[in-house]
Amino acid sequence: QVQLVEAGGGLVQPGGSLRLSCVASGNIFSTYALAWYRQAPGKQREVVAIITSGGNTNYADSVKDRFTISRDNAKNTVYLQMNSLKPEDTAVYYCKVHIYWGTGTLVTVSS
């Protein structure tokens, strides 16, 4: 059984930065693409960023040039660096590996 644990969420002012991390147990980390999703109140969960096993990345248009996804296979960890945060980035952020989801970490962008 694979477990994913996110960390790094919190309250930040508009224009600020946060770095999320997601640590996975088990030995599947290096095999699969890794992804960050988010779900804002009253909205559907949406993909934010993906990084393949080879290191290629893809981003939602709404976060391009502001967010950066990266992975450290040695540490079984995927990161999401979020800069220039906006109130509309407020959501619960989830990491996903294969069929496994984390429990989420809340990011609130507010003054």
C-alpha atoms as a PDB file:
ATOM      1  CA  GLN A   1       0.000   0.000   0.000  1.00  0.00           C
ATOM      2  CA  VAL A   2       1.343   3.415  -0.980  1.00  0.00           C
ATOM      3  CA  GLN A   3       0.779   6.403   1.271  1.00  0.00           C
ATOM      4  CA  LEU A   4       1.265  10.012   0.241  1.00  0.00           C
ATOM      5  CA  VAL A   5       1.664  12.794   2.762  1.00  0.00           C
ATOM      6  CA  GLU A   6       1.556  16.428   1.708  1.00  0.00           C
ATOM      7  CA  ALA A   7       2.961  19.339   3.683  1.00  0.00           C
ATOM      8  CA  GLY A   8       3.663  23.032   3.280  1.00  0.00           C
ATOM      9  CA  GLY A   9       0.213  24.533   2.985  1.00  0.00           C
ATOM     10  CA  GLY A  10      -0.895  27.567   4.950  1.00  0.00           C
ATOM     11  CA  LEU A  11      -2.047  31.149   4.801  1.00  0.00           C
ATOM     12  CA  VAL A  12      -0.119  33.526   2.562  1.00  0.00           C
ATOM     13  CA  GLN A  13      -0.742  37.024   1.287  1.00  0.00           C
ATOM     14  CA  PRO A  14      -1.316  37.695  -2.414  1.00  0.00           C
ATOM     15  CA  GLY A  15       2.014  37.843  -4.202  1.00  0.00           C
ATOM     16  CA  GLY A  16       3.621  35.508  -1.703  1.00  0.00           C
ATOM     17  CA  SER A  17       5.181  32.084  -2.118  1.00  0.00           C
ATOM     18  CA  LEU A  18       4.785  28.604  -0.684  1.00  0.00           C
ATOM     19  CA  ARG A  19       6.476  25.300  -1.358  1.00  0.00           C
ATOM     20  CA  LEU A  20       4.441  22.138  -1.054  1.00  0.00           C
ATOM     21  CA  SER A  21       6.006  18.734  -0.631  1.00  0.00           C
ATOM     22  CA  CYS A  22       4.610  15.233  -0.944  1.00  0.00           C
ATOM     23  CA  VAL A  23       6.442  12.206   0.415  1.00  0.00           C
ATOM     24  CA  ALA A  24       5.489   8.750  -0.759  1.00  0.00           C
ATOM     25  CA  SER A  25       5.989   5.419   0.957  1.00  0.00           C
ATOM     26  CA  GLY A  26       6.582   2.337  -1.158  1.00  0.00           C
ATOM     27  CA  ASN A  27       8.757   1.762  -4.198  1.00  0.00           C
ATOM     28  CA  ILE A  28       6.688   3.098  -7.086  1.00  0.00           C
ATOM     29  CA  PHE A  29       7.836   6.670  -6.966  1.00  0.00           C
ATOM     30  CA  SER A  30      10.445   6.628  -9.727  1.00  0.00           C
ATOM     31  CA  THR A  31       8.290   4.581 -12.091  1.00  0.00           C
ATOM     32  CA  TYR A  32       5.334   6.912 -12.588  1.00  0.00           C
ATOM     33  CA  ALA A  33       4.494  10.455 -13.461  1.00  0.00           C
ATOM     34  CA  LEU A  34       3.682  12.607 -10.448  1.00  0.00           C
ATOM     35  CA  ALA A  35       0.999  15.235 -10.319  1.00  0.00           C
ATOM     36  CA  TRP A  36      -0.393  18.009  -8.188  1.00  0.00           C
ATOM     37  CA  TYR A  37      -4.125  18.683  -8.265  1.00  0.00           C
ATOM     38  CA  ARG A  38      -6.222  21.222  -6.427  1.00  0.00           C
ATOM     39  CA  GLN A  39      -9.825  21.609  -5.463  1.00  0.00           C
ATOM     40  CA  ALA A  40     -11.289  24.975  -4.581  1.00  0.00           C
ATOM     41  CA  PRO A  41     -14.509  25.269  -2.571  1.00  0.00           C
ATOM     42  CA  GLY A  42     -17.496  24.431  -4.746  1.00  0.00           C
ATOM     43  CA  LYS A  43     -15.342  23.470  -7.724  1.00  0.00           C
ATOM     44  CA  GLN A  44     -14.144  20.267  -9.308  1.00  0.00           C
ATOM     45  CA  ARG A  45     -10.661  18.951  -8.687  1.00  0.00           C
ATOM     46  CA  GLU A  46      -8.284  20.088 -11.423  1.00  0.00           C
ATOM     47  CA  VAL A  47      -4.764  19.181 -12.422  1.00  0.00           C
ATOM     48  CA  VAL A  48      -2.173  21.844 -11.668  1.00  0.00           C
ATOM     49  CA  ALA A  49       1.129  20.330 -12.758  1.00  0.00           C
ATOM     50  CA  ILE A  50       2.590  17.018 -13.891  1.00  0.00           C
ATOM     51  CA  ILE A  51       6.142  15.726 -14.028  1.00  0.00           C
ATOM     52  CA  THR A  52       6.954  12.533 -15.897  1.00  0.00           C
ATOM     53  CA  SER A  53       9.412   9.890 -14.779  1.00  0.00           C
ATOM     54  CA  GLY A  54      11.838  11.435 -17.263  1.00  0.00           C
ATOM     55  CA  GLY A  55      11.447  14.899 -15.812  1.00  0.00           C
ATOM     56  CA  ASN A  56       9.222  16.496 -18.440  1.00  0.00           C
ATOM     57  CA  THR A  57       6.710  18.940 -16.984  1.00  0.00           C
ATOM     58  CA  ASN A  58       3.330  20.313 -17.929  1.00  0.00           C
ATOM     59  CA  TYR A  59       1.242  22.993 -16.249  1.00  0.00           C
ATOM     60  CA  ALA A  60      -2.289  24.300 -16.222  1.00  0.00           C
ATOM     61  CA  ASP A  61      -2.499  27.614 -18.053  1.00  0.00           C
ATOM     62  CA  SER A  62      -3.605  29.332 -14.855  1.00  0.00           C
ATOM     63  CA  VAL A  63      -0.318  28.568 -13.079  1.00  0.00           C
ATOM     64  CA  LYS A  64       2.230  28.654 -15.900  1.00  0.00           C
ATOM     65  CA  ASP A  65       5.262  30.809 -15.139  1.00  0.00           C
ATOM     66  CA  ARG A  66       4.259  30.968 -11.472  1.00  0.00           C
ATOM     67  CA  PHE A  67       4.404  27.343 -10.265  1.00  0.00           C
ATOM     68  CA  THR A  68       7.230  24.828 -10.642  1.00  0.00           C
ATOM     69  CA  ILE A  69       6.942  21.088 -10.098  1.00  0.00           C
ATOM     70  CA  SER A  70      10.030  19.027  -9.318  1.00  0.00           C
ATOM     71  CA  ARG A  71      10.842  15.581  -8.006  1.00  0.00           C
ATOM     72  CA  ASP A  72      13.561  13.937  -5.958  1.00  0.00           C
ATOM     73  CA  ASN A  73      13.361  10.202  -6.545  1.00  0.00           C
ATOM     74  CA  ALA A  74      16.006   9.485  -3.921  1.00  0.00           C
ATOM     75  CA  LYS A  75      13.751  11.069  -1.309  1.00  0.00           C
ATOM     76  CA  ASN A  76      10.456   9.815  -2.798  1.00  0.00           C
ATOM     77  CA  THR A  77       9.331  13.429  -2.782  1.00  0.00           C
ATOM     78  CA  VAL A  78       7.595  15.705  -5.238  1.00  0.00           C
ATOM     79  CA  TYR A  79       7.520  19.464  -4.748  1.00  0.00           C
ATOM     80  CA  LEU A  80       5.378  22.327  -5.957  1.00  0.00           C
ATOM     81  CA  GLN A  81       6.980  25.753  -5.712  1.00  0.00           C
ATOM     82  CA  MET A  82       4.245  28.365  -5.914  1.00  0.00           C
ATOM     83  CA  ASN A  83       5.163  31.998  -6.517  1.00  0.00           C
ATOM     84  CA  SER A  84       3.119  35.134  -7.126  1.00  0.00           C
ATOM     85  CA  LEU A  85       0.152  33.530  -5.437  1.00  0.00           C
ATOM     86  CA  LYS A  86      -3.326  34.873  -6.116  1.00  0.00           C
ATOM     87  CA  PRO A  87      -6.555  34.558  -4.133  1.00  0.00           C
ATOM     88  CA  GLU A  88      -7.869  32.253  -6.853  1.00  0.00           C
ATOM     89  CA  ASP A  89      -5.087  29.789  -6.006  1.00  0.00           C
ATOM     90  CA  THR A  90      -6.865  29.099  -2.708  1.00  0.00           C
ATOM     91  CA  ALA A  91      -7.662  25.391  -2.625  1.00  0.00           C
ATOM     92  CA  VAL A  92      -6.803  22.068  -1.109  1.00  0.00           C
ATOM     93  CA  TYR A  93      -3.785  20.731  -2.970  1.00  0.00           C
ATOM     94  CA  TYR A  94      -3.336  17.006  -3.524  1.00  0.00           C
ATOM     95  CA  CYS A  95      -0.480  14.962  -4.914  1.00  0.00           C
ATOM     96  CA  LYS A  96      -1.124  11.855  -7.010  1.00  0.00           C
ATOM     97  CA  VAL A  97       1.078   8.953  -8.007  1.00  0.00           C
ATOM     98  CA  HIS A  98      -0.425   6.271 -10.210  1.00  0.00           C
ATOM     99  CA  ILE A  99      -3.782   5.515  -8.566  1.00  0.00           C
ATOM    100  CA  TYR A 100      -2.834   6.866  -5.164  1.00  0.00           C
ATOM    101  CA  TRP A 101      -3.866  10.215  -3.694  1.00  0.00           C
ATOM    102  CA  GLY A 102      -2.618  12.164  -0.740  1.00  0.00           C
ATOM    103  CA  THR A 103      -4.983  13.577   1.854  1.00  0.00           C
ATOM    104  CA  GLY A 104      -4.382  17.159   0.804  1.00  0.00           C
ATOM    105  CA  THR A 105      -2.957  20.355   2.223  1.00  0.00           C
ATOM    106  CA  LEU A 106      -4.876  23.634   2.379  1.00  0.00           C
ATOM    107  CA  VAL A 107      -3.481  26.732   0.722  1.00  0.00           C
ATOM    108  CA  THR A 108      -5.227  30.004   1.501  1.00  0.00           C
ATOM    109  CA  VAL A 109      -4.215  33.177  -0.300  1.00  0.00           C
ATOM    110  CA  SER A 110      -5.706  36.184   1.405  1.00  0.00           C
ATOM    111  CA  SER A 111      -4.791  39.585   2.780  1.00  0.00           C
END
